[in-house]
Amino acid sequence: GDSVESCLKALAMGFTSVMFDGSSLPYEENMKATAYVAKTAHALGATTEAELGSMPHNFRGELQEYTPEDFYTKPEEAAEFVEKTGVDALAISFGTVHGVYKTTPKLSFKVIEEVRKSTGDLPLVMHGGSGLTADDYHQAIAKGIRKINYYTYMAKSGGTAVAKMSDTTFYHDIEVEAIRAMKEDAMGAIKAFAQK
């Protein structure tokens, strides 16, 4: 959730893990809000993932040019952030975007490596994880990524499969075909993550 309130609501509903994205807030505000969410989650026996470093949104491919370095997570901030918030996992920015890639992403695996060193064994998370190459996944995992959020390209595959259907398609056919295509795409991603 991108608000403290949404995370608290999820915890009240019984969720055992929340993801608080305060990355659009100034650093100190993000740290303070994240610490509050993590403390509340831990009191209820739940875990908290947070985000540090900002990730551009490119859901429809509208972002053509950007400077990824402006968004990278800073290792020294990550160390302080993790210590002061007590989070269980940290989503970092190293060149991925939320949404569709219109150009080849400019990934910095060095950022992952440096943040991993500064935060110890804390699991690092990749947001904007679909649309990369198998080699990108392998390098990210080797440098310390432990969770990959994968959605956009899986959802896109479902939409593409539905668009190819005939004029005599019924609604229930759409759902079945979209799920089939999305499952196939997700299985391909899982296999790519595991291959070396």
N, C-alpha and C. Protein backbone atom coordinates (compact mmCIF):
# COMPACT_ATOMS: atom_id res chain seq x y z
N GLY A 1 0.82 -1.19 0.00
CA GLY A 1 0.00 0.00 0.00
C GLY A 1 0.86 1.24 0.00
N ASP A 2 0.34 2.31 -0.57
CA ASP A 2 1.10 3.56 -0.60
C ASP A 2 0.67 4.51 0.51
N SER A 3 -0.09 3.99 1.49
CA SER A 3 -0.44 4.79 2.65
C SER A 3 -0.35 3.92 3.90
N VAL A 4 -0.06 4.57 5.01
CA VAL A 4 -0.02 3.87 6.29
C VAL A 4 -1.39 3.26 6.56
N GLU A 5 -2.44 4.01 6.24
CA GLU A 5 -3.80 3.55 6.52
C GLU A 5 -4.14 2.25 5.80
N SER A 6 -3.71 2.12 4.56
CA SER A 6 -4.03 0.89 3.82
C SER A 6 -3.31 -0.31 4.43
N CYS A 7 -2.09 -0.11 4.92
CA CYS A 7 -1.35 -1.19 5.57
C CYS A 7 -2.01 -1.57 6.90
N LEU A 8 -2.43 -0.57 7.66
CA LEU A 8 -3.10 -0.85 8.94
C LEU A 8 -4.41 -1.58 8.71
N LYS A 9 -5.12 -1.20 7.67
CA LYS A 9 -6.37 -1.88 7.34
C LYS A 9 -6.11 -3.34 7.00
N ALA A 10 -5.07 -3.59 6.20
CA ALA A 10 -4.72 -4.97 5.83
C ALA A 10 -4.36 -5.78 7.07
N LEU A 11 -3.60 -5.19 7.97
CA LEU A 11 -3.23 -5.88 9.20
C LEU A 11 -4.45 -6.18 10.05
N ALA A 12 -5.37 -5.23 10.13
CA ALA A 12 -6.60 -5.44 10.90
C ALA A 12 -7.45 -6.55 10.30
N MET A 13 -7.34 -6.74 9.00
CA MET A 13 -8.10 -7.81 8.31
C MET A 13 -7.43 -9.17 8.49
N GLY A 14 -6.21 -9.18 9.02
CA GLY A 14 -5.53 -10.45 9.28
C GLY A 14 -4.41 -10.79 8.33
N PHE A 15 -4.00 -9.85 7.47
CA PHE A 15 -2.87 -10.12 6.58
C PHE A 15 -1.63 -10.40 7.43
N THR A 16 -0.80 -11.33 6.98
CA THR A 16 0.41 -11.68 7.73
C THR A 16 1.65 -10.96 7.19
N SER A 17 1.47 -10.17 6.14
CA SER A 17 2.57 -9.40 5.58
C SER A 17 2.00 -8.19 4.86
N VAL A 18 2.67 -7.05 4.99
CA VAL A 18 2.27 -5.86 4.26
C VAL A 18 3.48 -5.27 3.56
N MET A 19 3.21 -4.54 2.47
CA MET A 19 4.26 -3.82 1.76
C MET A 19 3.88 -2.35 1.81
N PHE A 20 4.68 -1.55 2.49
CA PHE A 20 4.43 -0.12 2.54
C PHE A 20 5.39 0.59 1.60
N ASP A 21 4.82 1.31 0.64
CA ASP A 21 5.63 2.05 -0.32
C ASP A 21 5.55 3.54 0.00
N GLY A 22 6.53 4.00 0.76
CA GLY A 22 6.63 5.43 1.07
C GLY A 22 7.71 6.10 0.26
N SER A 23 8.10 5.48 -0.86
CA SER A 23 9.24 5.98 -1.65
C SER A 23 9.00 7.35 -2.27
N SER A 24 7.73 7.76 -2.40
CA SER A 24 7.47 9.09 -2.96
C SER A 24 7.59 10.18 -1.90
N LEU A 25 7.69 9.77 -0.64
CA LEU A 25 7.85 10.73 0.46
C LEU A 25 9.31 11.15 0.59
N PRO A 26 9.56 12.30 1.19
CA PRO A 26 10.95 12.64 1.52
C PRO A 26 11.53 11.54 2.41
N TYR A 27 12.83 11.34 2.33
CA TYR A 27 13.51 10.24 3.02
C TYR A 27 13.11 10.11 4.50
N GLU A 28 13.19 11.19 5.25
CA GLU A 28 12.90 11.14 6.69
C GLU A 28 11.45 10.74 6.95
N GLU A 29 10.52 11.27 6.15
CA GLU A 29 9.11 10.93 6.31
C GLU A 29 8.86 9.46 5.97
N ASN A 30 9.50 8.99 4.92
CA ASN A 30 9.38 7.58 4.53
C ASN A 30 9.86 6.69 5.68
N MET A 31 11.01 7.06 6.26
CA MET A 31 11.59 6.26 7.33
C MET A 31 10.65 6.24 8.55
N LYS A 32 10.10 7.38 8.90
CA LYS A 32 9.22 7.47 10.07
C LYS A 32 7.94 6.67 9.86
N ALA A 33 7.32 6.82 8.70
CA ALA A 33 6.07 6.10 8.41
C ALA A 33 6.32 4.60 8.32
N THR A 34 7.42 4.21 7.69
CA THR A 34 7.76 2.80 7.55
C THR A 34 8.00 2.16 8.92
N ALA A 35 8.71 2.88 9.79
CA ALA A 35 8.99 2.36 11.13
C ALA A 35 7.68 2.12 11.89
N TYR A 36 6.73 3.02 11.72
CA TYR A 36 5.42 2.86 12.39
C TYR A 36 4.69 1.62 11.87
N VAL A 37 4.68 1.45 10.55
CA VAL A 37 4.02 0.29 9.95
C VAL A 37 4.70 -1.00 10.41
N ALA A 38 6.03 -1.02 10.39
CA ALA A 38 6.77 -2.23 10.78
C ALA A 38 6.54 -2.57 12.25
N LYS A 39 6.56 -1.56 13.10
CA LYS A 39 6.34 -1.80 14.54
C LYS A 39 4.94 -2.36 14.78
N THR A 40 3.95 -1.81 14.10
CA THR A 40 2.58 -2.29 14.24
C THR A 40 2.45 -3.71 13.70
N ALA A 41 3.04 -3.96 12.54
CA ALA A 41 2.97 -5.30 11.94
C ALA A 41 3.63 -6.33 12.86
N HIS A 42 4.80 -6.01 13.37
CA HIS A 42 5.52 -6.95 14.23
C HIS A 42 4.73 -7.25 15.51
N ALA A 43 4.05 -6.24 16.05
CA ALA A 43 3.23 -6.45 17.26
C ALA A 43 2.09 -7.43 16.99
N LEU A 44 1.68 -7.52 15.72
CA LEU A 44 0.60 -8.42 15.34
C LEU A 44 1.12 -9.73 14.72
N GLY A 45 2.44 -9.93 14.77
CA GLY A 45 3.03 -11.15 14.23
C GLY A 45 3.15 -11.16 12.71
N ALA A 46 3.12 -9.98 12.10
CA ALA A 46 3.22 -9.87 10.64
C ALA A 46 4.56 -9.26 10.24
N THR A 47 4.89 -9.38 8.97
CA THR A 47 6.13 -8.83 8.45
C THR A 47 5.85 -7.61 7.58
N THR A 48 6.92 -6.83 7.34
CA THR A 48 6.79 -5.62 6.54
C THR A 48 7.90 -5.53 5.50
N GLU A 49 7.48 -5.26 4.27
CA GLU A 49 8.41 -4.92 3.19
C GLU A 49 8.26 -3.42 2.97
N ALA A 50 9.36 -2.75 2.69
CA ALA A 50 9.32 -1.31 2.42
C ALA A 50 10.04 -1.03 1.11
N GLU A 51 9.94 0.21 0.65
CA GLU A 51 10.61 0.60 -0.60
C GLU A 51 11.45 1.84 -0.37
N LEU A 52 12.68 1.79 -0.86
CA LEU A 52 13.60 2.91 -0.73
C LEU A 52 14.25 3.15 -2.08
N GLY A 53 14.24 4.40 -2.49
CA GLY A 53 14.65 4.73 -3.85
C GLY A 53 13.35 4.81 -4.63
N SER A 54 13.29 5.66 -5.58
CA SER A 54 12.04 5.85 -6.30
C SER A 54 12.08 5.12 -7.63
N MET A 55 10.96 4.55 -8.00
CA MET A 55 10.89 3.82 -9.26
C MET A 55 9.89 4.50 -10.19
N PRO A 56 10.31 4.85 -11.39
CA PRO A 56 9.38 5.49 -12.32
C PRO A 56 8.22 4.57 -12.67
N HIS A 57 7.07 5.18 -12.93
CA HIS A 57 5.88 4.42 -13.36
C HIS A 57 5.75 4.55 -14.87
N ASN A 58 5.58 3.42 -15.54
CA ASN A 58 5.52 3.40 -17.00
C ASN A 58 4.48 2.37 -17.43
N PHE A 59 3.29 2.44 -16.82
CA PHE A 59 2.29 1.41 -17.02
C PHE A 59 1.84 1.26 -18.47
N ARG A 60 1.79 2.36 -19.21
CA ARG A 60 1.34 2.29 -20.60
C ARG A 60 2.47 2.62 -21.57
N GLY A 61 3.69 2.61 -21.08
CA GLY A 61 4.83 2.88 -21.95
C GLY A 61 5.02 4.34 -22.27
N GLU A 62 4.45 5.23 -21.42
CA GLU A 62 4.53 6.67 -21.70
C GLU A 62 5.89 7.27 -21.39
N LEU A 63 6.68 6.59 -20.57
CA LEU A 63 7.99 7.09 -20.18
C LEU A 63 9.01 6.68 -21.25
N GLN A 64 9.50 7.64 -21.99
CA GLN A 64 10.44 7.34 -23.07
C GLN A 64 11.88 7.48 -22.62
N GLU A 65 12.20 8.59 -21.99
CA GLU A 65 13.57 8.85 -21.56
C GLU A 65 13.58 9.24 -20.09
N TYR A 66 14.50 8.68 -19.34
CA TYR A 66 14.68 9.06 -17.94
C TYR A 66 16.11 8.70 -17.56
N THR A 67 16.56 9.25 -16.46
CA THR A 67 17.90 8.97 -15.99
C THR A 67 17.79 8.05 -14.78
N PRO A 68 18.07 6.76 -14.95
CA PRO A 68 17.87 5.82 -13.85
C PRO A 68 18.67 6.14 -12.60
N GLU A 69 19.85 6.73 -12.79
CA GLU A 69 20.70 7.05 -11.65
C GLU A 69 20.00 7.99 -10.66
N ASP A 70 19.06 8.80 -11.17
CA ASP A 70 18.31 9.72 -10.31
C ASP A 70 17.40 8.97 -9.34
N PHE A 71 17.13 7.70 -9.63
CA PHE A 71 16.17 6.94 -8.85
C PHE A 71 16.82 5.85 -7.98
N TYR A 72 18.09 5.58 -8.21
CA TYR A 72 18.76 4.46 -7.52
C TYR A 72 18.71 4.59 -5.99
N THR A 73 18.59 3.46 -5.33
CA THR A 73 18.68 3.41 -3.88
C THR A 73 20.13 3.64 -3.47
N LYS A 74 20.34 4.50 -2.49
CA LYS A 74 21.69 4.80 -2.01
C LYS A 74 22.04 3.82 -0.88
N PRO A 75 23.13 3.08 -1.01
CA PRO A 75 23.50 2.08 0.00
C PRO A 75 23.59 2.62 1.42
N GLU A 76 24.14 3.83 1.57
CA GLU A 76 24.29 4.39 2.93
C GLU A 76 22.94 4.72 3.54
N GLU A 77 22.00 5.19 2.71
CA GLU A 77 20.64 5.43 3.21
C GLU A 77 19.95 4.12 3.55
N ALA A 78 20.17 3.11 2.72
CA ALA A 78 19.55 1.80 2.95
C ALA A 78 19.95 1.23 4.30
N ALA A 79 21.22 1.35 4.66
CA ALA A 79 21.71 0.82 5.94
C ALA A 79 21.01 1.52 7.10
N GLU A 80 20.93 2.84 7.05
CA GLU A 80 20.26 3.60 8.11
C GLU A 80 18.77 3.28 8.15
N PHE A 81 18.17 3.23 6.97
CA PHE A 81 16.73 2.99 6.84
C PHE A 81 16.35 1.65 7.48
N VAL A 82 17.10 0.61 7.15
CA VAL A 82 16.82 -0.73 7.67
C VAL A 82 17.00 -0.76 9.19
N GLU A 83 18.07 -0.13 9.67
CA GLU A 83 18.33 -0.12 11.11
C GLU A 83 17.22 0.61 11.87
N LYS A 84 16.77 1.75 11.35
CA LYS A 84 15.80 2.57 12.08
C LYS A 84 14.35 2.12 11.90
N THR A 85 14.07 1.34 10.86
CA THR A 85 12.68 0.93 10.62
C THR A 85 12.40 -0.50 11.07
N GLY A 86 13.42 -1.35 11.05
CA GLY A 86 13.22 -2.75 11.43
C GLY A 86 12.43 -3.56 10.41
N VAL A 87 12.47 -3.16 9.14
CA VAL A 87 11.71 -3.88 8.11
C VAL A 87 12.29 -5.27 7.88
N ASP A 88 11.47 -6.13 7.31
CA ASP A 88 11.85 -7.53 7.08
C ASP A 88 12.36 -7.76 5.66
N ALA A 89 12.05 -6.86 4.75
CA ALA A 89 12.51 -6.94 3.36
C ALA A 89 12.51 -5.52 2.81
N LEU A 90 13.38 -5.28 1.82
CA LEU A 90 13.49 -3.94 1.25
C LEU A 90 13.49 -3.99 -0.27
N ALA A 91 12.51 -3.30 -0.85
CA ALA A 91 12.45 -3.14 -2.31
C ALA A 91 13.37 -1.98 -2.66
N ILE A 92 14.26 -2.23 -3.61
CA ILE A 92 15.23 -1.20 -3.98
C ILE A 92 15.09 -0.82 -5.45
N SER A 93 15.62 0.34 -5.77
CA SER A 93 15.58 0.83 -7.14
C SER A 93 16.98 0.72 -7.75
N PHE A 94 17.06 -0.04 -8.84
CA PHE A 94 18.35 -0.19 -9.52
C PHE A 94 18.19 -0.14 -11.04
N GLY A 95 17.09 0.45 -11.52
CA GLY A 95 16.90 0.65 -12.95
C GLY A 95 15.65 0.03 -13.54
N THR A 96 14.90 -0.71 -12.74
CA THR A 96 13.64 -1.26 -13.25
C THR A 96 12.55 -0.18 -13.15
N VAL A 97 11.45 -0.38 -13.85
CA VAL A 97 10.31 0.53 -13.76
C VAL A 97 9.03 -0.28 -13.56
N HIS A 98 8.03 0.36 -12.98
CA HIS A 98 6.71 -0.25 -12.91
C HIS A 98 6.07 -0.06 -14.29
N GLY A 99 5.73 -1.14 -14.95
CA GLY A 99 5.04 -1.02 -16.23
C GLY A 99 5.83 -1.61 -17.39
N VAL A 100 5.62 -1.03 -18.57
CA VAL A 100 6.13 -1.56 -19.83
C VAL A 100 7.44 -0.87 -20.21
N TYR A 101 8.42 -1.65 -20.68
CA TYR A 101 9.68 -1.08 -21.15
C TYR A 101 9.56 -0.75 -22.63
N LYS A 102 9.80 0.52 -22.96
CA LYS A 102 9.82 0.94 -24.36
C LYS A 102 11.26 1.01 -24.87
N THR A 103 12.19 1.06 -23.96
CA THR A 103 13.61 1.01 -24.29
C THR A 103 14.25 -0.03 -23.37
N THR A 104 15.46 -0.44 -23.69
CA THR A 104 16.16 -1.42 -22.85
C THR A 104 16.44 -0.80 -21.49
N PRO A 105 16.03 -1.49 -20.40
CA PRO A 105 16.27 -0.91 -19.07
C PRO A 105 17.76 -0.78 -18.78
N LYS A 106 18.11 0.27 -18.05
CA LYS A 106 19.50 0.53 -17.68
C LYS A 106 19.68 0.09 -16.23
N LEU A 107 19.99 -1.18 -16.05
CA LEU A 107 20.09 -1.76 -14.72
C LEU A 107 21.49 -1.62 -14.14
N SER A 108 21.56 -1.38 -12.84
CA SER A 108 22.85 -1.33 -12.14
C SER A 108 22.88 -2.45 -11.12
N PHE A 109 23.54 -3.54 -11.48
CA PHE A 109 23.67 -4.66 -10.55
C PHE A 109 24.61 -4.30 -9.40
N LYS A 110 25.45 -3.28 -9.64
CA LYS A 110 26.34 -2.80 -8.58
C LYS A 110 25.53 -2.21 -7.43
N VAL A 111 24.42 -1.54 -7.75
CA VAL A 111 23.56 -0.99 -6.71
C VAL A 111 23.04 -2.11 -5.81
N ILE A 112 22.57 -3.21 -6.43
CA ILE A 112 22.08 -4.34 -5.64
C ILE A 112 23.18 -4.84 -4.71
N GLU A 113 24.37 -5.04 -5.28
CA GLU A 113 25.50 -5.57 -4.51
C GLU A 113 25.86 -4.66 -3.34
N GLU A 114 25.90 -3.36 -3.59
CA GLU A 114 26.28 -2.41 -2.54
C GLU A 114 25.21 -2.29 -1.46
N VAL A 115 23.94 -2.31 -1.87
CA VAL A 115 22.85 -2.25 -0.89
C VAL A 115 22.84 -3.52 -0.06
N ARG A 116 23.07 -4.65 -0.71
CA ARG A 116 23.13 -5.93 0.00
C ARG A 116 24.23 -5.91 1.07
N LYS A 117 25.39 -5.38 0.72
CA LYS A 117 26.49 -5.29 1.69
C LYS A 117 26.13 -4.37 2.85
N SER A 118 25.44 -3.28 2.54
CA SER A 118 25.14 -2.29 3.59
C SER A 118 24.00 -2.73 4.51
N THR A 119 23.19 -3.68 4.06
CA THR A 119 22.03 -4.09 4.86
C THR A 119 22.15 -5.52 5.40
N GLY A 120 23.28 -6.17 5.18
CA GLY A 120 23.46 -7.52 5.70
C GLY A 120 22.65 -8.53 4.93
N ASP A 121 22.04 -9.45 5.64
CA ASP A 121 21.30 -10.53 4.99
C ASP A 121 19.83 -10.20 4.75
N LEU A 122 19.46 -8.95 4.86
CA LEU A 122 18.07 -8.58 4.65
C LEU A 122 17.65 -8.93 3.22
N PRO A 123 16.51 -9.60 3.05
CA PRO A 123 16.05 -9.91 1.68
C PRO A 123 15.77 -8.62 0.89
N LEU A 124 16.34 -8.55 -0.32
CA LEU A 124 16.09 -7.41 -1.21
C LEU A 124 15.06 -7.82 -2.25
N VAL A 125 14.25 -6.84 -2.65
CA VAL A 125 13.11 -7.10 -3.53
C VAL A 125 13.25 -6.28 -4.81
N MET A 126 12.89 -6.91 -5.93
CA MET A 126 12.84 -6.23 -7.23
C MET A 126 11.39 -5.92 -7.57
N HIS A 127 11.05 -4.65 -7.63
CA HIS A 127 9.75 -4.25 -8.18
C HIS A 127 9.97 -3.95 -9.66
N GLY A 128 8.91 -4.00 -10.45
CA GLY A 128 9.08 -3.80 -11.89
C GLY A 128 9.84 -4.96 -12.49
N GLY A 129 9.53 -6.17 -12.01
CA GLY A 129 10.33 -7.34 -12.36
C GLY A 129 9.97 -8.06 -13.64
N SER A 130 8.89 -7.68 -14.30
CA SER A 130 8.60 -8.38 -15.56
C SER A 130 9.20 -7.60 -16.72
N GLY A 131 9.42 -8.30 -17.84
CA GLY A 131 9.95 -7.65 -19.03
C GLY A 131 11.46 -7.63 -19.13
N LEU A 132 12.15 -8.31 -18.23
CA LEU A 132 13.61 -8.37 -18.27
C LEU A 132 14.07 -9.66 -18.94
N THR A 133 15.35 -9.76 -19.20
CA THR A 133 15.89 -10.98 -19.81
C THR A 133 16.22 -11.99 -18.71
N ALA A 134 16.38 -13.25 -19.12
CA ALA A 134 16.77 -14.29 -18.16
C ALA A 134 18.11 -13.94 -17.53
N ASP A 135 19.03 -13.37 -18.30
CA ASP A 135 20.33 -12.98 -17.77
C ASP A 135 20.18 -11.88 -16.72
N ASP A 136 19.27 -10.92 -16.97
CA ASP A 136 19.02 -9.87 -15.98
C ASP A 136 18.56 -10.48 -14.66
N TYR A 137 17.64 -11.43 -14.73
CA TYR A 137 17.14 -12.09 -13.51
C TYR A 137 18.29 -12.80 -12.79
N HIS A 138 19.09 -13.53 -13.55
CA HIS A 138 20.17 -14.30 -12.93
C HIS A 138 21.18 -13.39 -12.24
N GLN A 139 21.53 -12.28 -12.89
CA GLN A 139 22.49 -11.35 -12.29
C GLN A 139 21.90 -10.71 -11.04
N ALA A 140 20.62 -10.32 -11.11
CA ALA A 140 19.98 -9.68 -9.96
C ALA A 140 19.94 -10.64 -8.77
N ILE A 141 19.58 -11.89 -9.02
CA ILE A 141 19.53 -12.89 -7.96
C ILE A 141 20.92 -13.14 -7.39
N ALA A 142 21.90 -13.24 -8.27
CA ALA A 142 23.28 -13.48 -7.82
C ALA A 142 23.80 -12.34 -6.94
N LYS A 143 23.34 -11.13 -7.20
CA LYS A 143 23.81 -9.98 -6.43
C LYS A 143 23.03 -9.77 -5.13
N GLY A 144 21.87 -10.45 -4.98
CA GLY A 144 21.17 -10.33 -3.69
C GLY A 144 19.67 -10.17 -3.73
N ILE A 145 19.05 -10.11 -4.91
CA ILE A 145 17.59 -10.02 -4.97
C ILE A 145 17.00 -11.35 -4.52
N ARG A 146 16.01 -11.31 -3.61
CA ARG A 146 15.42 -12.52 -3.07
C ARG A 146 13.93 -12.65 -3.34
N LYS A 147 13.32 -11.57 -3.86
CA LYS A 147 11.90 -11.61 -4.23
C LYS A 147 11.75 -10.77 -5.48
N ILE A 148 11.01 -11.29 -6.45
CA ILE A 148 10.79 -10.56 -7.70
C ILE A 148 9.29 -10.36 -7.88
N ASN A 149 8.87 -9.10 -7.96
CA ASN A 149 7.46 -8.81 -8.23
C ASN A 149 7.26 -8.85 -9.75
N TYR A 150 6.39 -9.74 -10.18
CA TYR A 150 6.21 -10.01 -11.61
C TYR A 150 4.73 -9.92 -11.93
N TYR A 151 4.32 -8.91 -12.71
CA TYR A 151 2.90 -8.81 -13.06
C TYR A 151 2.65 -8.24 -14.46
N THR A 152 3.20 -7.09 -14.79
CA THR A 152 2.80 -6.35 -15.99
C THR A 152 2.83 -7.19 -17.26
N TYR A 153 3.94 -7.89 -17.51
CA TYR A 153 4.04 -8.64 -18.76
C TYR A 153 3.18 -9.89 -18.74
N MET A 154 2.92 -10.41 -17.56
CA MET A 154 1.99 -11.54 -17.44
C MET A 154 0.57 -11.05 -17.80
N ALA A 155 0.18 -9.91 -17.26
CA ALA A 155 -1.14 -9.35 -17.56
C ALA A 155 -1.25 -8.99 -19.04
N LYS A 156 -0.16 -8.46 -19.59
CA LYS A 156 -0.12 -8.09 -21.01
C LYS A 156 -0.31 -9.33 -21.89
N SER A 157 0.28 -10.46 -21.48
CA SER A 157 0.13 -11.69 -22.28
C SER A 157 -1.32 -12.14 -22.30
N GLY A 158 -2.02 -11.98 -21.17
CA GLY A 158 -3.45 -12.32 -21.14
C GLY A 158 -4.25 -11.43 -22.08
N GLY A 159 -3.95 -10.14 -22.07
CA GLY A 159 -4.66 -9.20 -22.96
C GLY A 159 -4.38 -9.49 -24.42
N THR A 160 -3.14 -9.81 -24.75
CA THR A 160 -2.76 -10.13 -26.13
C THR A 160 -3.48 -11.38 -26.61
N ALA A 161 -3.55 -12.40 -25.75
CA ALA A 161 -4.23 -13.65 -26.13
C ALA A 161 -5.71 -13.41 -26.39
N VAL A 162 -6.34 -12.58 -25.57
CA VAL A 162 -7.76 -12.28 -25.74
C VAL A 162 -7.97 -11.50 -27.03
N ALA A 163 -7.08 -10.56 -27.34
CA ALA A 163 -7.21 -9.75 -28.55
C ALA A 163 -7.15 -10.59 -29.82
N LYS A 164 -6.51 -11.76 -29.76
CA LYS A 164 -6.38 -12.64 -30.93
C LYS A 164 -7.57 -13.57 -31.11
N MET A 165 -8.52 -13.52 -30.19
CA MET A 165 -9.66 -14.45 -30.27
C MET A 165 -10.62 -14.02 -31.39
N SER A 166 -11.50 -14.94 -31.78
CA SER A 166 -12.42 -14.69 -32.90
C SER A 166 -13.61 -13.84 -32.49
N ASP A 167 -14.39 -13.43 -33.50
CA ASP A 167 -15.58 -12.61 -33.25
C ASP A 167 -16.68 -13.38 -32.53
N THR A 168 -16.62 -14.69 -32.55
CA THR A 168 -17.67 -15.49 -31.91
C THR A 168 -17.29 -15.91 -30.49
N THR A 169 -16.44 -15.13 -29.88
CA THR A 169 -15.98 -15.43 -28.52
C THR A 169 -17.05 -15.04 -27.51
N PHE A 170 -17.23 -15.89 -26.51
CA PHE A 170 -18.12 -15.59 -25.40
C PHE A 170 -17.29 -15.12 -24.21
N TYR A 171 -17.95 -14.45 -23.28
CA TYR A 171 -17.24 -13.89 -22.12
C TYR A 171 -16.45 -14.96 -21.38
N HIS A 172 -17.05 -16.11 -21.16
CA HIS A 172 -16.36 -17.16 -20.41
C HIS A 172 -15.13 -17.67 -21.16
N ASP A 173 -15.13 -17.58 -22.49
CA ASP A 173 -13.95 -17.95 -23.28
C ASP A 173 -12.80 -16.97 -23.04
N ILE A 174 -13.16 -15.70 -22.87
CA ILE A 174 -12.15 -14.66 -22.65
C ILE A 174 -11.38 -14.95 -21.36
N GLU A 175 -12.12 -15.24 -20.31
CA GLU A 175 -11.49 -15.51 -19.01
C GLU A 175 -10.56 -16.72 -19.09
N VAL A 176 -11.06 -17.78 -19.72
CA VAL A 176 -10.26 -19.01 -19.83
C VAL A 176 -8.98 -18.76 -20.63
N GLU A 177 -9.09 -18.05 -21.75
CA GLU A 177 -7.92 -17.80 -22.60
C GLU A 177 -6.92 -16.87 -21.91
N ALA A 178 -7.43 -15.84 -21.22
CA ALA A 178 -6.53 -14.93 -20.52
C ALA A 178 -5.76 -15.66 -19.42
N ILE A 179 -6.46 -16.48 -18.66
CA ILE A 179 -5.80 -17.23 -17.58
C ILE A 179 -4.76 -18.20 -18.15
N ARG A 180 -5.10 -18.86 -19.26
CA ARG A 180 -4.16 -19.80 -19.88
C ARG A 180 -2.87 -19.08 -20.27
N ALA A 181 -3.02 -17.94 -20.94
CA ALA A 181 -1.85 -17.19 -21.41
C ALA A 181 -1.03 -16.64 -20.25
N MET A 182 -1.71 -16.14 -19.22
CA MET A 182 -1.00 -15.59 -18.06
C MET A 182 -0.25 -16.70 -17.31
N LYS A 183 -0.89 -17.86 -17.20
CA LYS A 183 -0.23 -18.99 -16.53
C LYS A 183 1.02 -19.40 -17.30
N GLU A 184 0.91 -19.46 -18.61
CA GLU A 184 2.06 -19.84 -19.45
C GLU A 184 3.20 -18.83 -19.28
N ASP A 185 2.86 -17.55 -19.26
CA ASP A 185 3.88 -16.51 -19.10
C ASP A 185 4.54 -16.61 -17.72
N ALA A 186 3.74 -16.81 -16.68
CA ALA A 186 4.28 -16.91 -15.32
C ALA A 186 5.19 -18.14 -15.19
N MET A 187 4.80 -19.25 -15.80
CA MET A 187 5.63 -20.45 -15.74
C MET A 187 6.97 -20.22 -16.44
N GLY A 188 6.93 -19.48 -17.54
CA GLY A 188 8.18 -19.14 -18.24
C GLY A 188 9.09 -18.30 -17.37
N ALA A 189 8.50 -17.35 -16.62
CA ALA A 189 9.29 -16.50 -15.72
C ALA A 189 9.90 -17.33 -14.60
N ILE A 190 9.11 -18.20 -14.00
CA ILE A 190 9.62 -19.04 -12.91
C ILE A 190 10.78 -19.89 -13.39
N LYS A 191 10.64 -20.46 -14.59
CA LYS A 191 11.74 -21.26 -15.14
C LYS A 191 12.98 -20.41 -15.41
N ALA A 192 12.75 -19.18 -15.88
CA ALA A 192 13.89 -18.27 -16.14
C ALA A 192 14.61 -17.93 -14.84
N PHE A 193 13.86 -17.71 -13.75
CA PHE A 193 14.48 -17.38 -12.48
C PHE A 193 15.38 -18.52 -12.01
N ALA A 194 14.95 -19.76 -12.25
CA ALA A 194 15.64 -20.93 -11.71
C ALA A 194 16.82 -21.39 -12.56
N GLN A 195 16.82 -21.07 -13.86
CA GLN A 195 17.88 -21.56 -14.75
C GLN A 195 19.18 -20.81 -14.50
N LYS A 196 20.26 -21.49 -14.77
CA LYS A 196 21.57 -20.84 -14.65
C LYS A 196 22.39 -21.07 -15.89
